């Protein structure tokens, strides 16, 4: 009678070094695409904090697609600080008003989510750089 050795199903599997997701055997990088993007965003965030840059300069500096930078702007992760630097073709998806980040203007956001949250306009805050990283804690925006 033959005995079978216990063989783990994941014995030869590759895993992402950060999130531990399973990666295909042929995948060469140590990080999954999601973790690579998050790591890149961290570098972009620091660059934006230390430099007076536009979305095009960010894309050029990191040799990434302009589409990715615009995706982060649409997600509300980064935005222009100065109102006059609004991005061409970035408009509220409900009313069409020109916006600096995300997909909704302040008015439509409040209406959609029934909230009284009011975001300080960038001119009120008085910041001078062209782009910035958006903090999760809104109190930092008003200090």
C-alpha atoms as a PDB file:
ATOM      1  CA  UNK A   1       0.000   0.000   0.000  1.00  0.00           C
ATOM      2  CA  UNK A   2       1.282   3.459  -0.944  1.00  0.00           C
ATOM      3  CA  UNK A   3       1.244   6.346   1.495  1.00  0.00           C
ATOM      4  CA  UNK A   4       0.720   9.866   0.364  1.00  0.00           C
ATOM      5  CA  UNK A   5       2.780  12.600   1.900  1.00  0.00           C
ATOM      6  CA  UNK A   6       0.929  15.650   3.107  1.00  0.00           C
ATOM      7  CA  UNK A   7       1.576  18.384   0.549  1.00  0.00           C
ATOM      8  CA  UNK A   8       0.480  21.926   1.213  1.00  0.00           C
ATOM      9  CA  UNK A   9      -1.583  23.494  -1.524  1.00  0.00           C
ATOM     10  CA  UNK A  10       0.301  26.796  -1.105  1.00  0.00           C
ATOM     11  CA  UNK A  11       3.789  25.355  -0.679  1.00  0.00           C
ATOM     12  CA  UNK A  12       5.195  26.937  -3.843  1.00  0.00           C
ATOM     13  CA  UNK A  13       2.954  30.004  -3.924  1.00  0.00           C
ATOM     14  CA  UNK A  14       4.266  33.565  -4.013  1.00  0.00           C
ATOM     15  CA  UNK A  15       2.774  36.164  -1.708  1.00  0.00           C
ATOM     16  CA  UNK A  16       2.789  39.958  -1.704  1.00  0.00           C
ATOM     17  CA  UNK A  17       5.370  41.189   0.797  1.00  0.00           C
ATOM     18  CA  UNK A  18       2.908  43.673   2.302  1.00  0.00           C
ATOM     19  CA  UNK A  19      -0.658  42.340   2.143  1.00  0.00           C
ATOM     20  CA  UNK A  20       0.181  38.621   1.730  1.00  0.00           C
ATOM     21  CA  UNK A  21      -2.144  38.167  -1.279  1.00  0.00           C
ATOM     22  CA  UNK A  22      -1.286  35.204  -3.464  1.00  0.00           C
ATOM     23  CA  UNK A  23       0.633  36.165  -6.595  1.00  0.00           C
ATOM     24  CA  UNK A  24       1.007  34.153  -9.810  1.00  0.00           C
ATOM     25  CA  UNK A  25       4.212  32.094  -9.955  1.00  0.00           C
ATOM     26  CA  UNK A  26       5.420  34.019 -13.010  1.00  0.00           C
ATOM     27  CA  UNK A  27       4.865  37.415 -11.301  1.00  0.00           C
ATOM     28  CA  UNK A  28       8.286  39.043 -10.900  1.00  0.00           C
ATOM     29  CA  UNK A  29       7.588  41.864  -8.425  1.00  0.00           C
ATOM     30  CA  UNK A  30       7.447  41.326  -4.672  1.00  0.00           C
ATOM     31  CA  UNK A  31       4.346  43.529  -4.258  1.00  0.00           C
ATOM     32  CA  UNK A  32       0.879  43.084  -5.739  1.00  0.00           C
ATOM     33  CA  UNK A  33      -0.329  45.876  -8.064  1.00  0.00           C
ATOM     34  CA  UNK A  34      -2.487  47.421  -5.308  1.00  0.00           C
ATOM     35  CA  UNK A  35       0.399  47.618  -2.842  1.00  0.00           C
ATOM     36  CA  UNK A  36       2.701  48.967  -5.576  1.00  0.00           C
ATOM     37  CA  UNK A  37       0.213  51.769  -6.262  1.00  0.00           C
ATOM     38  CA  UNK A  38      -0.126  52.546  -2.533  1.00  0.00           C
ATOM     39  CA  UNK A  39       3.654  52.655  -2.151  1.00  0.00           C
ATOM     40  CA  UNK A  40       3.922  54.944  -5.188  1.00  0.00           C
ATOM     41  CA  UNK A  41       1.175  57.180  -3.800  1.00  0.00           C
ATOM     42  CA  UNK A  42       3.164  57.558  -0.577  1.00  0.00           C
ATOM     43  CA  UNK A  43       6.146  58.784  -2.588  1.00  0.00           C
ATOM     44  CA  UNK A  44       3.921  61.123  -4.637  1.00  0.00           C
ATOM     45  CA  UNK A  45       2.373  62.467  -1.425  1.00  0.00           C
ATOM     46  CA  UNK A  46       5.781  63.384  -0.021  1.00  0.00           C
ATOM     47  CA  UNK A  47       6.809  64.982  -3.321  1.00  0.00           C
ATOM     48  CA  UNK A  48       3.653  67.104  -3.407  1.00  0.00           C
ATOM     49  CA  UNK A  49       4.128  68.169   0.218  1.00  0.00           C
ATOM     50  CA  UNK A  50       7.691  69.316  -0.462  1.00  0.00           C
ATOM     51  CA  UNK A  51       7.217  70.855  -3.926  1.00  0.00           C
ATOM     52  CA  UNK A  52       5.090  73.423  -5.710  1.00  0.00           C
ATOM     53  CA  UNK A  53       3.934  71.201  -8.598  1.00  0.00           C
ATOM     54  CA  UNK A  54       1.103  70.571 -11.030  1.00  0.00           C
ATOM     55  CA  UNK A  55      -0.452  67.261 -11.981  1.00  0.00           C
ATOM     56  CA  UNK A  56       1.656  67.169 -15.151  1.00  0.00           C
ATOM     57  CA  UNK A  57       4.874  67.713 -13.218  1.00  0.00           C
ATOM     58  CA  UNK A  58       3.959  64.890 -10.820  1.00  0.00           C
ATOM     59  CA  UNK A  59       3.324  62.504 -13.710  1.00  0.00           C
ATOM     60  CA  UNK A  60       6.568  63.511 -15.427  1.00  0.00           C
ATOM     61  CA  UNK A  61       8.681  63.312 -12.248  1.00  0.00           C
ATOM     62  CA  UNK A  62       7.515  59.790 -11.374  1.00  0.00           C
ATOM     63  CA  UNK A  63       7.253  58.598 -14.996  1.00  0.00           C
ATOM     64  CA  UNK A  64       3.633  57.587 -14.408  1.00  0.00           C
ATOM     65  CA  UNK A  65       0.586  58.147 -16.539  1.00  0.00           C
ATOM     66  CA  UNK A  66      -1.281  61.400 -16.232  1.00  0.00           C
ATOM     67  CA  UNK A  67      -4.391  59.198 -16.005  1.00  0.00           C
ATOM     68  CA  UNK A  68      -3.204  57.781 -12.651  1.00  0.00           C
ATOM     69  CA  UNK A  69      -2.663  61.258 -11.189  1.00  0.00           C
ATOM     70  CA  UNK A  70      -6.129  62.296 -12.393  1.00  0.00           C
ATOM     71  CA  UNK A  71      -7.552  59.118 -10.833  1.00  0.00           C
ATOM     72  CA  UNK A  72      -6.120  60.172  -7.454  1.00  0.00           C
ATOM     73  CA  UNK A  73      -7.598  63.651  -7.957  1.00  0.00           C
ATOM     74  CA  UNK A  74     -11.005  62.141  -8.824  1.00  0.00           C
ATOM     75  CA  UNK A  75     -10.803  59.916  -5.729  1.00  0.00           C
ATOM     76  CA  UNK A  76     -10.207  63.042  -3.640  1.00  0.00           C
ATOM     77  CA  UNK A  77      -6.761  61.943  -2.491  1.00  0.00           C
ATOM     78  CA  UNK A  78      -4.997  65.028  -3.894  1.00  0.00           C
ATOM     79  CA  UNK A  79      -6.224  68.401  -5.110  1.00  0.00           C
ATOM     80  CA  UNK A  80      -5.092  71.787  -6.320  1.00  0.00           C
ATOM     81  CA  UNK A  81      -4.714  74.351  -3.568  1.00  0.00           C
ATOM     82  CA  UNK A  82      -5.480  77.406  -5.660  1.00  0.00           C
ATOM     83  CA  UNK A  83      -8.944  77.866  -7.124  1.00  0.00           C
ATOM     84  CA  UNK A  84      -7.597  79.370 -10.355  1.00  0.00           C
ATOM     85  CA  UNK A  85      -5.677  76.136 -10.946  1.00  0.00           C
ATOM     86  CA  UNK A  86      -8.853  74.104 -11.486  1.00  0.00           C
ATOM     87  CA  UNK A  87      -8.326  71.186 -13.787  1.00  0.00           C
ATOM     88  CA  UNK A  88      -9.789  71.374 -17.252  1.00  0.00           C
ATOM     89  CA  UNK A  89     -12.602  68.877 -17.784  1.00  0.00           C
ATOM     90  CA  UNK A  90     -13.019  68.067 -14.081  1.00  0.00           C
ATOM     91  CA  UNK A  91     -16.633  68.813 -13.279  1.00  0.00           C
ATOM     92  CA  UNK A  92     -19.248  67.764 -10.743  1.00  0.00           C
ATOM     93  CA  UNK A  93     -20.950  64.611 -11.974  1.00  0.00           C
ATOM     94  CA  UNK A  94     -24.358  65.905 -10.814  1.00  0.00           C
ATOM     95  CA  UNK A  95     -24.494  69.604 -11.714  1.00  0.00           C
ATOM     96  CA  UNK A  96     -21.465  70.143 -13.958  1.00  0.00           C
ATOM     97  CA  UNK A  97     -19.779  72.839 -11.824  1.00  0.00           C
ATOM     98  CA  UNK A  98     -15.992  73.020 -12.148  1.00  0.00           C
ATOM     99  CA  UNK A  99     -14.256  71.293  -9.184  1.00  0.00           C
ATOM    100  CA  UNK A 100     -10.689  70.813  -7.929  1.00  0.00           C
ATOM    101  CA  UNK A 101     -10.960  67.175  -6.824  1.00  0.00           C
ATOM    102  CA  UNK A 102     -13.342  64.266  -6.429  1.00  0.00           C
ATOM    103  CA  UNK A 103     -16.509  63.780  -8.448  1.00  0.00           C
ATOM    104  CA  UNK A 104     -19.003  66.081  -6.685  1.00  0.00           C
ATOM    105  CA  UNK A 105     -19.021  69.776  -5.804  1.00  0.00           C
ATOM    106  CA  UNK A 106     -19.606  70.763  -2.173  1.00  0.00           C
ATOM    107  CA  UNK A 107     -23.295  71.521  -2.721  1.00  0.00           C
ATOM    108  CA  UNK A 108     -24.087  68.226  -4.478  1.00  0.00           C
ATOM    109  CA  UNK A 109     -22.024  66.274  -1.942  1.00  0.00           C
ATOM    110  CA  UNK A 110     -24.063  67.756   0.912  1.00  0.00           C
ATOM    111  CA  UNK A 111     -27.314  67.033  -0.920  1.00  0.00           C
ATOM    112  CA  UNK A 112     -26.353  63.467  -1.825  1.00  0.00           C
ATOM    113  CA  UNK A 113     -25.060  62.510   1.602  1.00  0.00           C
ATOM    114  CA  UNK A 114     -27.380  64.767   3.636  1.00  0.00           C
ATOM    115  CA  UNK A 115     -24.516  66.215   5.594  1.00  0.00           C
ATOM    116  CA  UNK A 116     -23.719  69.685   6.831  1.00  0.00           C
ATOM    117  CA  UNK A 117     -19.984  69.227   6.251  1.00  0.00           C
ATOM    118  CA  UNK A 118     -18.543  72.390   4.774  1.00  0.00           C
ATOM    119  CA  UNK A 119     -15.089  72.270   3.268  1.00  0.00           C
ATOM    120  CA  UNK A 120     -13.047  75.440   3.515  1.00  0.00           C
ATOM    121  CA  UNK A 121     -12.220  76.775   0.095  1.00  0.00           C
ATOM    122  CA  UNK A 122      -8.575  76.784  -0.727  1.00  0.00           C
ATOM    123  CA  UNK A 123      -8.448  80.560  -0.914  1.00  0.00           C
ATOM    124  CA  UNK A 124      -9.878  80.808   2.612  1.00  0.00           C
ATOM    125  CA  UNK A 125      -7.174  78.503   3.895  1.00  0.00           C
ATOM    126  CA  UNK A 126      -4.597  80.754   2.251  1.00  0.00           C
ATOM    127  CA  UNK A 127      -2.217  78.023   1.117  1.00  0.00           C
ATOM    128  CA  UNK A 128       0.014  78.838  -1.831  1.00  0.00           C
ATOM    129  CA  UNK A 129       1.223  75.506  -3.289  1.00  0.00           C
ATOM    130  CA  UNK A 130      -0.392  74.129  -6.400  1.00  0.00           C
ATOM    131  CA  UNK A 131      -1.192  70.600  -5.184  1.00  0.00           C
ATOM    132  CA  UNK A 132      -1.498  68.925  -1.834  1.00  0.00           C
ATOM    133  CA  UNK A 133      -2.144  65.624  -0.150  1.00  0.00           C
ATOM    134  CA  UNK A 134      -5.558  65.496   1.475  1.00  0.00           C
ATOM    135  CA  UNK A 135      -5.461  64.535   5.119  1.00  0.00           C
ATOM    136  CA  UNK A 136      -8.141  62.209   6.433  1.00  0.00           C
ATOM    137  CA  UNK A 137      -8.491  64.406   9.510  1.00  0.00           C
ATOM    138  CA  UNK A 138     -10.335  67.537   8.336  1.00  0.00           C
ATOM    139  CA  UNK A 139      -9.331  69.607  11.370  1.00  0.00           C
ATOM    140  CA  UNK A 140      -5.798  69.867   9.940  1.00  0.00           C
ATOM    141  CA  UNK A 141      -7.196  71.737   6.925  1.00  0.00           C
ATOM    142  CA  UNK A 142      -8.448  74.629   9.022  1.00  0.00           C
ATOM    143  CA  UNK A 143      -5.352  75.171  11.166  1.00  0.00           C
END
